[in-house]
Amino acid sequence: KYYYVVTAVNAAGESISSNEASAILLGQPDTGHAILTIYLTNGM
């Protein structure tokens, strides 16, 4: 499980962090594909 936040940067500096989101890459070796599940802070 990985956790991510985003910030913006401009001439005035760096913004505060966005809300945190998390994701898990579930490997599917038999198909050569994977399922990425993203968990949003609102529970979705």
PDB file of all heavy atoms in Angstrom:
ATOM      1  N   LYS A   1       0.848  -1.195   0.000  1.00  0.00           N
ATOM      2  CA  LYS A   1       0.000   0.000   0.000  1.00  0.00           C
ATOM      3  C   LYS A   1       0.883   1.244   0.000  1.00  0.00           C
ATOM      4  O   LYS A   1       1.773   1.383   0.831  1.00  0.00           O
ATOM      5  CB  LYS A   1      -0.933   0.011   1.208  1.00  0.00           C
ATOM      6  CG  LYS A   1      -2.017   1.063   1.138  1.00  0.00           C
ATOM      7  CD  LYS A   1      -3.018   0.882   2.268  1.00  0.00           C
ATOM      8  CE  LYS A   1      -4.314   1.573   1.977  1.00  0.00           C
ATOM      9  NZ  LYS A   1      -5.312   1.333   3.029  1.00  0.00           N
ATOM     10  N   TYR A   2       0.641   2.131  -0.956  1.00  0.00           N
ATOM     11  CA  TYR A   2       1.373   3.389  -1.078  1.00  0.00           C
ATOM     12  C   TYR A   2       0.439   4.548  -0.761  1.00  0.00           C
ATOM     13  O   TYR A   2      -0.748   4.508  -1.085  1.00  0.00           O
ATOM     14  CB  TYR A   2       1.932   3.549  -2.497  1.00  0.00           C
ATOM     15  CG  TYR A   2       3.025   2.555  -2.813  1.00  0.00           C
ATOM     16  CD1 TYR A   2       2.720   1.306  -3.336  1.00  0.00           C
ATOM     17  CD2 TYR A   2       4.353   2.862  -2.566  1.00  0.00           C
ATOM     18  CE1 TYR A   2       3.719   0.382  -3.610  1.00  0.00           C
ATOM     19  CE2 TYR A   2       5.357   1.947  -2.834  1.00  0.00           C
ATOM     20  CZ  TYR A   2       5.036   0.711  -3.359  1.00  0.00           C
ATOM     21  OH  TYR A   2       6.024  -0.200  -3.629  1.00  0.00           O
ATOM     22  N   TYR A   3       0.984   5.579  -0.145  1.00  0.00           N
ATOM     23  CA  TYR A   3       0.222   6.767   0.228  1.00  0.00           C
ATOM     24  C   TYR A   3       0.764   7.956  -0.559  1.00  0.00           C
ATOM     25  O   TYR A   3       1.983   8.113  -0.692  1.00  0.00           O
ATOM     26  CB  TYR A   3       0.351   7.041   1.725  1.00  0.00           C
ATOM     27  CG  TYR A   3      -0.220   5.927   2.560  1.00  0.00           C
ATOM     28  CD1 TYR A   3       0.557   4.838   2.944  1.00  0.00           C
ATOM     29  CD2 TYR A   3      -1.552   5.963   2.953  1.00  0.00           C
ATOM     30  CE1 TYR A   3       0.021   3.806   3.697  1.00  0.00           C
ATOM     31  CE2 TYR A   3      -2.090   4.936   3.712  1.00  0.00           C
ATOM     32  CZ  TYR A   3      -1.301   3.866   4.077  1.00  0.00           C
ATOM     33  OH  TYR A   3      -1.841   2.851   4.823  1.00  0.00           O
ATOM     34  N   TYR A   4      -0.151   8.785  -1.070  1.00  0.00           N
ATOM     35  CA  TYR A   4       0.243   9.903  -1.924  1.00  0.00           C
ATOM     36  C   TYR A   4      -0.426  11.206  -1.485  1.00  0.00           C
ATOM     37  O   TYR A   4      -1.578  11.206  -1.069  1.00  0.00           O
ATOM     38  CB  TYR A   4      -0.173   9.645  -3.379  1.00  0.00           C
ATOM     39  CG  TYR A   4       0.488   8.439  -3.992  1.00  0.00           C
ATOM     40  CD1 TYR A   4      -0.112   7.191  -3.929  1.00  0.00           C
ATOM     41  CD2 TYR A   4       1.710   8.560  -4.632  1.00  0.00           C
ATOM     42  CE1 TYR A   4       0.492   6.073  -4.497  1.00  0.00           C
ATOM     43  CE2 TYR A   4       2.327   7.455  -5.203  1.00  0.00           C
ATOM     44  CZ  TYR A   4       1.709   6.214  -5.130  1.00  0.00           C
ATOM     45  OH  TYR A   4       2.311   5.116  -5.684  1.00  0.00           O
ATOM     46  N   VAL A   5       0.319  12.301  -1.609  1.00  0.00           N
ATOM     47  CA  VAL A   5      -0.222  13.655  -1.503  1.00  0.00           C
ATOM     48  C   VAL A   5       0.394  14.464  -2.645  1.00  0.00           C
ATOM     49  O   VAL A   5       1.420  14.087  -3.209  1.00  0.00           O
ATOM     50  CB  VAL A   5       0.085  14.338  -0.146  1.00  0.00           C
ATOM     51  CG1 VAL A   5      -0.604  13.618   0.994  1.00  0.00           C
ATOM     52  CG2 VAL A   5       1.569  14.460   0.097  1.00  0.00           C
ATOM     53  N   VAL A   6      -0.239  15.578  -2.974  1.00  0.00           N
ATOM     54  CA  VAL A   6       0.221  16.438  -4.065  1.00  0.00           C
ATOM     55  C   VAL A   6       0.378  17.850  -3.525  1.00  0.00           C
ATOM     56  O   VAL A   6      -0.424  18.307  -2.710  1.00  0.00           O
ATOM     57  CB  VAL A   6      -0.799  16.439  -5.226  1.00  0.00           C
ATOM     58  CG1 VAL A   6      -0.372  17.393  -6.330  1.00  0.00           C
ATOM     59  CG2 VAL A   6      -0.988  15.038  -5.764  1.00  0.00           C
ATOM     60  N   THR A   7       1.421  18.539  -3.983  1.00  0.00           N
ATOM     61  CA  THR A   7       1.582  19.959  -3.688  1.00  0.00           C
ATOM     62  C   THR A   7       1.799  20.696  -5.006  1.00  0.00           C
ATOM     63  O   THR A   7       2.183  20.098  -6.002  1.00  0.00           O
ATOM     64  CB  THR A   7       2.777  20.248  -2.760  1.00  0.00           C
ATOM     65  OG1 THR A   7       3.980  19.832  -3.390  1.00  0.00           O
ATOM     66  CG2 THR A   7       2.621  19.561  -1.408  1.00  0.00           C
ATOM     67  N   ALA A   8       1.549  21.981  -4.985  1.00  0.00           N
ATOM     68  CA  ALA A   8       1.812  22.836  -6.148  1.00  0.00           C
ATOM     69  C   ALA A   8       2.936  23.800  -5.789  1.00  0.00           C
ATOM     70  O   ALA A   8       3.066  24.216  -4.633  1.00  0.00           O
ATOM     71  CB  ALA A   8       0.558  23.619  -6.524  1.00  0.00           C
ATOM     72  N   VAL A   9       3.750  24.138  -6.767  1.00  0.00           N
ATOM     73  CA  VAL A   9       4.870  25.049  -6.542  1.00  0.00           C
ATOM     74  C   VAL A   9       4.819  26.147  -7.594  1.00  0.00           C
ATOM     75  O   VAL A   9       4.625  25.879  -8.781  1.00  0.00           O
ATOM     76  CB  VAL A   9       6.224  24.298  -6.634  1.00  0.00           C
ATOM     77  CG1 VAL A   9       7.390  25.259  -6.429  1.00  0.00           C
ATOM     78  CG2 VAL A   9       6.287  23.157  -5.631  1.00  0.00           C
ATOM     79  N   ASN A  10       4.979  27.392  -7.145  1.00  0.00           N
ATOM     80  CA  ASN A  10       5.102  28.524  -8.063  1.00  0.00           C
ATOM     81  C   ASN A  10       6.102  29.508  -7.470  1.00  0.00           C
ATOM     82  O   ASN A  10       6.794  29.180  -6.501  1.00  0.00           O
ATOM     83  CB  ASN A  10       3.736  29.174  -8.349  1.00  0.00           C
ATOM     84  CG  ASN A  10       3.099  29.767  -7.109  1.00  0.00           C
ATOM     85  OD1 ASN A  10       3.762  30.036  -6.114  1.00  0.00           O
ATOM     86  ND2 ASN A  10       1.791  29.992  -7.170  1.00  0.00           N
ATOM     87  N   ALA A  11       6.179  30.690  -8.009  1.00  0.00           N
ATOM     88  CA  ALA A  11       7.157  31.677  -7.554  1.00  0.00           C
ATOM     89  C   ALA A  11       6.975  32.046  -6.081  1.00  0.00           C
ATOM     90  O   ALA A  11       7.928  32.441  -5.406  1.00  0.00           O
ATOM     91  CB  ALA A  11       7.077  32.929  -8.425  1.00  0.00           C
ATOM     92  N   ALA A  12       5.761  31.919  -5.576  1.00  0.00           N
ATOM     93  CA  ALA A  12       5.486  32.254  -4.175  1.00  0.00           C
ATOM     94  C   ALA A  12       5.879  31.139  -3.209  1.00  0.00           C
ATOM     95  O   ALA A  12       5.895  31.337  -2.006  1.00  0.00           O
ATOM     96  CB  ALA A  12       4.007  32.593  -4.008  1.00  0.00           C
ATOM     97  N   GLY A  13       6.170  29.937  -3.735  1.00  0.00           N
ATOM     98  CA  GLY A  13       6.569  28.829  -2.875  1.00  0.00           C
ATOM     99  C   GLY A  13       5.709  27.597  -3.090  1.00  0.00           C
ATOM    100  O   GLY A  13       5.046  27.453  -4.115  1.00  0.00           O
ATOM    101  N   GLU A  14       5.716  26.711  -2.099  1.00  0.00           N
ATOM    102  CA  GLU A  14       5.010  25.432  -2.194  1.00  0.00           C
ATOM    103  C   GLU A  14       3.718  25.479  -1.381  1.00  0.00           C
ATOM    104  O   GLU A  14       3.687  26.005  -0.276  1.00  0.00           O
ATOM    105  CB  GLU A  14       5.896  24.300  -1.679  1.00  0.00           C
ATOM    106  CG  GLU A  14       5.319  22.919  -1.873  1.00  0.00           C
ATOM    107  CD  GLU A  14       6.329  21.818  -1.560  1.00  0.00           C
ATOM    108  OE1 GLU A  14       7.422  22.110  -1.046  1.00  0.00           O
ATOM    109  OE2 GLU A  14       6.008  20.652  -1.852  1.00  0.00           O
ATOM    110  N   SER A  15       2.671  24.907  -1.948  1.00  0.00           N
ATOM    111  CA  SER A  15       1.369  24.875  -1.262  1.00  0.00           C
ATOM    112  C   SER A  15       1.378  23.832  -0.154  1.00  0.00           C
ATOM    113  O   SER A  15       2.308  23.020  -0.045  1.00  0.00           O
ATOM    114  CB  SER A  15       0.262  24.533  -2.266  1.00  0.00           C
ATOM    115  OG  SER A  15       0.381  23.166  -2.671  1.00  0.00           O
ATOM    116  N   ILE A  16       0.316  23.830   0.626  1.00  0.00           N
ATOM    117  CA  ILE A  16       0.146  22.754   1.591  1.00  0.00           C
ATOM    118  C   ILE A  16      -0.221  21.484   0.826  1.00  0.00           C
ATOM    119  O   ILE A  16      -0.631  21.543  -0.327  1.00  0.00           O
ATOM    120  CB  ILE A  16      -0.937  23.089   2.647  1.00  0.00           C
ATOM    121  CG1 ILE A  16      -2.298  23.282   1.989  1.00  0.00           C
ATOM    122  CG2 ILE A  16      -0.549  24.319   3.453  1.00  0.00           C
ATOM    123  CD1 ILE A  16      -3.441  23.363   2.979  1.00  0.00           C
ATOM    124  N   SER A  17      -0.074  20.354   1.465  1.00  0.00           N
ATOM    125  CA  SER A  17      -0.360  19.073   0.815  1.00  0.00           C
ATOM    126  C   SER A  17      -1.848  18.869   0.595  1.00  0.00           C
ATOM    127  O   SER A  17      -2.676  19.313   1.393  1.00  0.00           O
ATOM    128  CB  SER A  17       0.171  17.920   1.673  1.00  0.00           C
ATOM    129  OG  SER A  17       1.566  17.996   1.785  1.00  0.00           O
ATOM    130  N   SER A  18      -2.171  18.154  -0.470  1.00  0.00           N
ATOM    131  CA  SER A  18      -3.550  17.743  -0.725  1.00  0.00           C
ATOM    132  C   SER A  18      -3.963  16.705   0.310  1.00  0.00           C
ATOM    133  O   SER A  18      -3.143  16.249   1.108  1.00  0.00           O
ATOM    134  CB  SER A  18      -3.657  17.122  -2.123  1.00  0.00           C
ATOM    135  OG  SER A  18      -2.920  15.893  -2.142  1.00  0.00           O
ATOM    136  N   ASN A  19      -5.218  16.302   0.266  1.00  0.00           N
ATOM    137  CA  ASN A  19      -5.639  15.165   1.075  1.00  0.00           C
ATOM    138  C   ASN A  19      -4.862  13.938   0.627  1.00  0.00           C
ATOM    139  O   ASN A  19      -4.468  13.825  -0.525  1.00  0.00           O
ATOM    140  CB  ASN A  19      -7.138  14.904   0.911  1.00  0.00           C
ATOM    141  CG  ASN A  19      -7.981  15.966   1.560  1.00  0.00           C
ATOM    142  OD1 ASN A  19      -7.536  16.656   2.464  1.00  0.00           O
ATOM    143  ND2 ASN A  19      -9.205  16.121   1.089  1.00  0.00           N
ATOM    144  N   GLU A  20      -4.660  13.030   1.540  1.00  0.00           N
ATOM    145  CA  GLU A  20      -3.920  11.813   1.240  1.00  0.00           C
ATOM    146  C   GLU A  20      -4.791  10.809   0.499  1.00  0.00           C
ATOM    147  O   GLU A  20      -5.968  10.638   0.803  1.00  0.00           O
ATOM    148  CB  GLU A  20      -3.453  11.187   2.551  1.00  0.00           C
ATOM    149  CG  GLU A  20      -2.648   9.935   2.392  1.00  0.00           C
ATOM    150  CD  GLU A  20      -2.255   9.365   3.739  1.00  0.00           C
ATOM    151  OE1 GLU A  20      -3.091   8.654   4.336  1.00  0.00           O
ATOM    152  OE2 GLU A  20      -1.138   9.641   4.195  1.00  0.00           O
ATOM    153  N   ALA A  21      -4.195  10.148  -0.490  1.00  0.00           N
ATOM    154  CA  ALA A  21      -4.828   9.028  -1.180  1.00  0.00           C
ATOM    155  C   ALA A  21      -3.884   7.850  -1.083  1.00  0.00           C
ATOM    156  O   ALA A  21      -2.683   8.021  -0.911  1.00  0.00           O
ATOM    157  CB  ALA A  21      -5.093   9.371  -2.641  1.00  0.00           C
ATOM    158  N   SER A  22      -4.418   6.651  -1.164  1.00  0.00           N
ATOM    159  CA  SER A  22      -3.559   5.471  -1.117  1.00  0.00           C
ATOM    160  C   SER A  22      -3.926   4.527  -2.252  1.00  0.00           C
ATOM    161  O   SER A  22      -5.022   4.595  -2.802  1.00  0.00           O
ATOM    162  CB  SER A  22      -3.694   4.752   0.231  1.00  0.00           C
ATOM    163  OG  SER A  22      -5.014   4.315   0.452  1.00  0.00           O
ATOM    164  N   ALA A  23      -2.986   3.655  -2.611  1.00  0.00           N
ATOM    165  CA  ALA A  23      -3.209   2.724  -3.710  1.00  0.00           C
ATOM    166  C   ALA A  23      -2.422   1.443  -3.465  1.00  0.00           C
ATOM    167  O   ALA A  23      -1.357   1.471  -2.857  1.00  0.00           O
ATOM    168  CB  ALA A  23      -2.785   3.344  -5.031  1.00  0.00           C
ATOM    169  N   ILE A  24      -2.965   0.335  -3.948  1.00  0.00           N
ATOM    170  CA  ILE A  24      -2.302  -0.964  -3.892  1.00  0.00           C
ATOM    171  C   ILE A  24      -2.326  -1.553  -5.297  1.00  0.00           C
ATOM    172  O   ILE A  24      -3.383  -1.623  -5.922  1.00  0.00           O
ATOM    173  CB  ILE A  24      -3.018  -1.937  -2.932  1.00  0.00           C
ATOM    174  CG1 ILE A  24      -3.065  -1.384  -1.514  1.00  0.00           C
ATOM    175  CG2 ILE A  24      -2.337  -3.308  -2.946  1.00  0.00           C
ATOM    176  CD1 ILE A  24      -3.907  -2.220  -0.564  1.00  0.00           C
ATOM    177  N   LEU A  25      -1.172  -1.981  -5.794  1.00  0.00           N
ATOM    178  CA  LEU A  25      -1.093  -2.657  -7.079  1.00  0.00           C
ATOM    179  C   LEU A  25      -1.189  -4.150  -6.815  1.00  0.00           C
ATOM    180  O   LEU A  25      -0.333  -4.733  -6.153  1.00  0.00           O
ATOM    181  CB  LEU A  25       0.226  -2.330  -7.773  1.00  0.00           C
ATOM    182  CG  LEU A  25       0.449  -2.987  -9.132  1.00  0.00           C
ATOM    183  CD1 LEU A  25      -0.571  -2.475 -10.147  1.00  0.00           C
ATOM    184  CD2 LEU A  25       1.860  -2.724  -9.625  1.00  0.00           C
ATOM    185  N   LEU A  26      -2.271  -4.753  -7.295  1.00  0.00           N
ATOM    186  CA  LEU A  26      -2.474  -6.188  -7.110  1.00  0.00           C
ATOM    187  C   LEU A  26      -2.042  -6.897  -8.372  1.00  0.00           C
ATOM    188  O   LEU A  26      -2.675  -6.761  -9.411  1.00  0.00           O
ATOM    189  CB  LEU A  26      -3.944  -6.483  -6.790  1.00  0.00           C
ATOM    190  CG  LEU A  26      -4.502  -5.777  -5.560  1.00  0.00           C
ATOM    191  CD1 LEU A  26      -5.985  -6.049  -5.408  1.00  0.00           C
ATOM    192  CD2 LEU A  26      -3.753  -6.228  -4.317  1.00  0.00           C
ATOM    193  N   GLY A  27      -0.940  -7.638  -8.316  1.00  0.00           N
ATOM    194  CA  GLY A  27      -0.365  -8.287  -9.495  1.00  0.00           C
ATOM    195  C   GLY A  27      -1.243  -9.397 -10.028  1.00  0.00           C
ATOM    196  O   GLY A  27      -1.884 -10.121  -9.283  1.00  0.00           O
ATOM    197  N   GLN A  28      -1.269  -9.517 -11.330  1.00  0.00           N
ATOM    198  CA  GLN A  28      -2.007 -10.562 -12.031  1.00  0.00           C
ATOM    199  C   GLN A  28      -1.058 -11.210 -13.035  1.00  0.00           C
ATOM    200  O   GLN A  28      -1.143 -10.971 -14.230  1.00  0.00           O
ATOM    201  CB  GLN A  28      -3.232  -9.976 -12.750  1.00  0.00           C
ATOM    202  CG  GLN A  28      -4.201  -9.257 -11.856  1.00  0.00           C
ATOM    203  CD  GLN A  28      -4.911 -10.203 -10.912  1.00  0.00           C
ATOM    204  OE1 GLN A  28      -5.320 -11.276 -11.327  1.00  0.00           O
ATOM    205  NE2 GLN A  28      -5.019  -9.841  -9.660  1.00  0.00           N
ATOM    206  N   PRO A  29      -0.107 -12.060 -12.573  1.00  0.00           N
ATOM    207  CA  PRO A  29       0.919 -12.583 -13.477  1.00  0.00           C
ATOM    208  C   PRO A  29       0.376 -13.436 -14.613  1.00  0.00           C
ATOM    209  O   PRO A  29       0.981 -13.513 -15.667  1.00  0.00           O
ATOM    210  CB  PRO A  29       1.810 -13.413 -12.555  1.00  0.00           C
ATOM    211  CG  PRO A  29       0.986 -13.685 -11.353  1.00  0.00           C
ATOM    212  CD  PRO A  29       0.011 -12.560 -11.233  1.00  0.00           C
ATOM    213  N   ASP A  30      -0.797 -14.070 -14.449  1.00  0.00           N
ATOM    214  CA  ASP A  30      -1.330 -14.929 -15.496  1.00  0.00           C
ATOM    215  C   ASP A  30      -1.844 -14.154 -16.705  1.00  0.00           C
ATOM    216  O   ASP A  30      -1.933 -14.689 -17.805  1.00  0.00           O
ATOM    217  CB  ASP A  30      -2.439 -15.835 -14.941  1.00  0.00           C
ATOM    218  CG  ASP A  30      -3.562 -15.043 -14.291  1.00  0.00           C
ATOM    219  OD1 ASP A  30      -3.283 -13.957 -13.740  1.00  0.00           O
ATOM    220  OD2 ASP A  30      -4.702 -15.504 -14.327  1.00  0.00           O
ATOM    221  N   THR A  31      -2.181 -12.894 -16.533  1.00  0.00           N
ATOM    222  CA  THR A  31      -2.705 -12.096 -17.643  1.00  0.00           C
ATOM    223  C   THR A  31      -1.706 -11.076 -18.157  1.00  0.00           C
ATOM    224  O   THR A  31      -1.913 -10.487 -19.203  1.00  0.00           O
ATOM    225  CB  THR A  31      -3.970 -11.325 -17.209  1.00  0.00           C
ATOM    226  OG1 THR A  31      -3.595 -10.384 -16.195  1.00  0.00           O
ATOM    227  CG2 THR A  31      -5.047 -12.252 -16.707  1.00  0.00           C
ATOM    228  N   GLY A  32      -0.648 -10.846 -17.407  1.00  0.00           N
ATOM    229  CA  GLY A  32       0.302  -9.808 -17.780  1.00  0.00           C
ATOM    230  C   GLY A  32      -0.190  -8.421 -17.429  1.00  0.00           C
ATOM    231  O   GLY A  32       0.417  -7.425 -17.789  1.00  0.00           O
ATOM    232  N   HIS A  33      -1.324  -8.321 -16.731  1.00  0.00           N
ATOM    233  CA  HIS A  33      -1.890  -7.053 -16.305  1.00  0.00           C
ATOM    234  C   HIS A  33      -1.975  -7.030 -14.783  1.00  0.00           C
ATOM    235  O   HIS A  33      -1.765  -8.044 -14.127  1.00  0.00           O
ATOM    236  CB  HIS A  33      -3.295  -6.857 -16.896  1.00  0.00           C
ATOM    237  CG  HIS A  33      -3.284  -6.706 -18.377  1.00  0.00           C
ATOM    238  ND1 HIS A  33      -3.213  -7.788 -19.224  1.00  0.00           N
ATOM    239  CD2 HIS A  33      -3.336  -5.618 -19.160  1.00  0.00           C
ATOM    240  CE1 HIS A  33      -3.219  -7.373 -20.466  1.00  0.00           C
ATOM    241  NE2 HIS A  33      -3.296  -6.049 -20.464  1.00  0.00           N
ATOM    242  N   ALA A  34      -2.298  -5.898 -14.248  1.00  0.00           N
ATOM    243  CA  ALA A  34      -2.465  -5.760 -12.806  1.00  0.00           C
ATOM    244  C   ALA A  34      -3.694  -4.904 -12.539  1.00  0.00           C
ATOM    245  O   ALA A  34      -4.172  -4.189 -13.414  1.00  0.00           O
ATOM    246  CB  ALA A  34      -1.234  -5.120 -12.184  1.00  0.00           C
ATOM    247  N   ILE A  35      -4.209  -5.002 -11.322  1.00  0.00           N
ATOM    248  CA  ILE A  35      -5.326  -4.171 -10.894  1.00  0.00           C
ATOM    249  C   ILE A  35      -4.795  -3.174  -9.875  1.00  0.00           C
ATOM    250  O   ILE A  35      -4.228  -3.571  -8.858  1.00  0.00           O
ATOM    251  CB  ILE A  35      -6.452  -5.002 -10.263  1.00  0.00           C
ATOM    252  CG1 ILE A  35      -6.993  -6.011 -11.280  1.00  0.00           C
ATOM    253  CG2 ILE A  35      -7.570  -4.097  -9.742  1.00  0.00           C
ATOM    254  CD1 ILE A  35      -7.971  -6.996 -10.690  1.00  0.00           C
ATOM    255  N   LEU A  36      -4.953  -1.896 -10.169  1.00  0.00           N
ATOM    256  CA  LEU A  36      -4.556  -0.842  -9.249  1.00  0.00           C
ATOM    257  C   LEU A  36      -5.806  -0.394  -8.515  1.00  0.00           C
ATOM    258  O   LEU A  36      -6.783   0.024  -9.138  1.00  0.00           O
ATOM    259  CB  LEU A  36      -3.943   0.336 -10.000  1.00  0.00           C
ATOM    260  CG  LEU A  36      -3.609   1.567  -9.156  1.00  0.00           C
ATOM    261  CD1 LEU A  36      -2.527   1.230  -8.139  1.00  0.00           C
ATOM    262  CD2 LEU A  36      -3.170   2.705 -10.047  1.00  0.00           C
ATOM    263  N   THR A  37      -5.797  -0.505  -7.201  1.00  0.00           N
ATOM    264  CA  THR A  37      -6.927  -0.055  -6.385  1.00  0.00           C
ATOM    265  C   THR A  37      -6.529   1.225  -5.680  1.00  0.00           C
ATOM    266  O   THR A  37      -5.549   1.247  -4.935  1.00  0.00           O
ATOM    267  CB  THR A  37      -7.321  -1.121  -5.348  1.00  0.00           C
ATOM    268  OG1 THR A  37      -7.632  -2.338  -6.032  1.00  0.00           O
ATOM    269  CG2 THR A  37      -8.533  -0.669  -4.533  1.00  0.00           C
ATOM    270  N   ILE A  38      -7.288   2.288  -5.907  1.00  0.00           N
ATOM    271  CA  ILE A  38      -7.033   3.581  -5.288  1.00  0.00           C
ATOM    272  C   ILE A  38      -8.094   3.815  -4.226  1.00  0.00           C
ATOM    273  O   ILE A  38      -9.289   3.735  -4.507  1.00  0.00           O
ATOM    274  CB  ILE A  38      -7.060   4.718  -6.324  1.00  0.00           C
ATOM    275  CG1 ILE A  38      -6.005   4.449  -7.411  1.00  0.00           C
ATOM    276  CG2 ILE A  38      -6.852   6.077  -5.669  1.00  0.00           C
ATOM    277  CD1 ILE A  38      -6.107   5.357  -8.600  1.00  0.00           C
ATOM    278  N   TYR A  39      -7.653   4.091  -3.004  1.00  0.00           N
ATOM    279  CA  TYR A  39      -8.557   4.349  -1.889  1.00  0.00           C
ATOM    280  C   TYR A  39      -8.584   5.847  -1.623  1.00  0.00           C
ATOM    281  O   TYR A  39      -7.561   6.445  -1.308  1.00  0.00           O
ATOM    282  CB  TYR A  39      -8.085   3.614  -0.642  1.00  0.00           C
ATOM    283  CG  TYR A  39      -8.105   2.118  -0.811  1.00  0.00           C
ATOM    284  CD1 TYR A  39      -7.000   1.435  -1.287  1.00  0.00           C
ATOM    285  CD2 TYR A  39      -9.247   1.383  -0.514  1.00  0.00           C
ATOM    286  CE1 TYR A  39      -7.023   0.062  -1.466  1.00  0.00           C
ATOM    287  CE2 TYR A  39      -9.276   0.011  -0.691  1.00  0.00           C
ATOM    288  CZ  TYR A  39      -8.159  -0.644  -1.163  1.00  0.00           C
ATOM    289  OH  TYR A  39      -8.183  -2.003  -1.343  1.00  0.00           O
ATOM    290  N   LEU A  40      -9.748   6.467  -1.769  1.00  0.00           N
ATOM    291  CA  LEU A  40      -9.892   7.897  -1.552  1.00  0.00           C
ATOM    292  C   LEU A  40     -10.206   8.174  -0.094  1.00  0.00           C
ATOM    293  O   LEU A  40     -10.730   7.318   0.623  1.00  0.00           O
ATOM    294  CB  LEU A  40     -10.993   8.450  -2.457  1.00  0.00           C
ATOM    295  CG  LEU A  40     -10.795   8.147  -3.950  1.00  0.00           C
ATOM    296  CD1 LEU A  40     -11.999   8.623  -4.736  1.00  0.00           C
ATOM    297  CD2 LEU A  40      -9.518   8.764  -4.455  1.00  0.00           C
ATOM    298  N   THR A  41      -9.901   9.380   0.361  1.00  0.00           N
ATOM    299  CA  THR A  41     -10.109   9.714   1.760  1.00  0.00           C
ATOM    300  C   THR A  41     -11.579   9.729   2.147  1.00  0.00           C
ATOM    301  O   THR A  41     -11.912   9.616   3.316  1.00  0.00           O
ATOM    302  CB  THR A  41      -9.485  11.076   2.106  1.00  0.00           C
ATOM    303  OG1 THR A  41     -10.029  12.066   1.225  1.00  0.00           O
ATOM    304  CG2 THR A  41      -7.975  11.027   1.954  1.00  0.00           C
ATOM    305  N   ASN A  42     -12.494   9.828   1.180  1.00  0.00           N
ATOM    306  CA  ASN A  42     -13.917   9.817   1.491  1.00  0.00           C
ATOM    307  C   ASN A  42     -14.477   8.398   1.605  1.00  0.00           C
ATOM    308  O   ASN A  42     -15.672   8.194   1.723  1.00  0.00           O
ATOM    309  CB  ASN A  42     -14.706  10.616   0.455  1.00  0.00           C
ATOM    310  CG  ASN A  42     -14.641  10.005  -0.934  1.00  0.00           C
ATOM    311  OD1 ASN A  42     -14.067   8.937  -1.137  1.00  0.00           O
ATOM    312  ND2 ASN A  42     -15.225  10.691  -1.902  1.00  0.00           N
ATOM    313  N   GLY A  43     -13.566   7.380   1.538  1.00  0.00           N
ATOM    314  CA  GLY A  43     -13.987   5.997   1.694  1.00  0.00           C
ATOM    315  C   GLY A  43     -14.260   5.278   0.390  1.00  0.00           C
ATOM    316  O   GLY A  43     -14.397   4.066   0.365  1.00  0.00           O
ATOM    317  N   MET A  44     -14.338   6.026  -0.712  1.00  0.00           N
ATOM    318  CA  MET A  44     -14.577   5.389  -2.005  1.00  0.00           C
ATOM    319  C   MET A  44     -13.295   4.738  -2.504  1.00  0.00           C
ATOM    320  O   MET A  44     -12.194   5.105  -2.092  1.00  0.00           O
ATOM    321  CB  MET A  44     -15.067   6.415  -3.027  1.00  0.00           C
ATOM    322  CG  MET A  44     -16.431   7.000  -2.697  1.00  0.00           C
ATOM    323  SD  MET A  44     -16.948   8.242  -3.906  1.00  0.00           S
ATOM    324  CE  MET A  44     -17.089   7.254  -5.383  1.00  0.00           C
TER     325      MET A  44
END
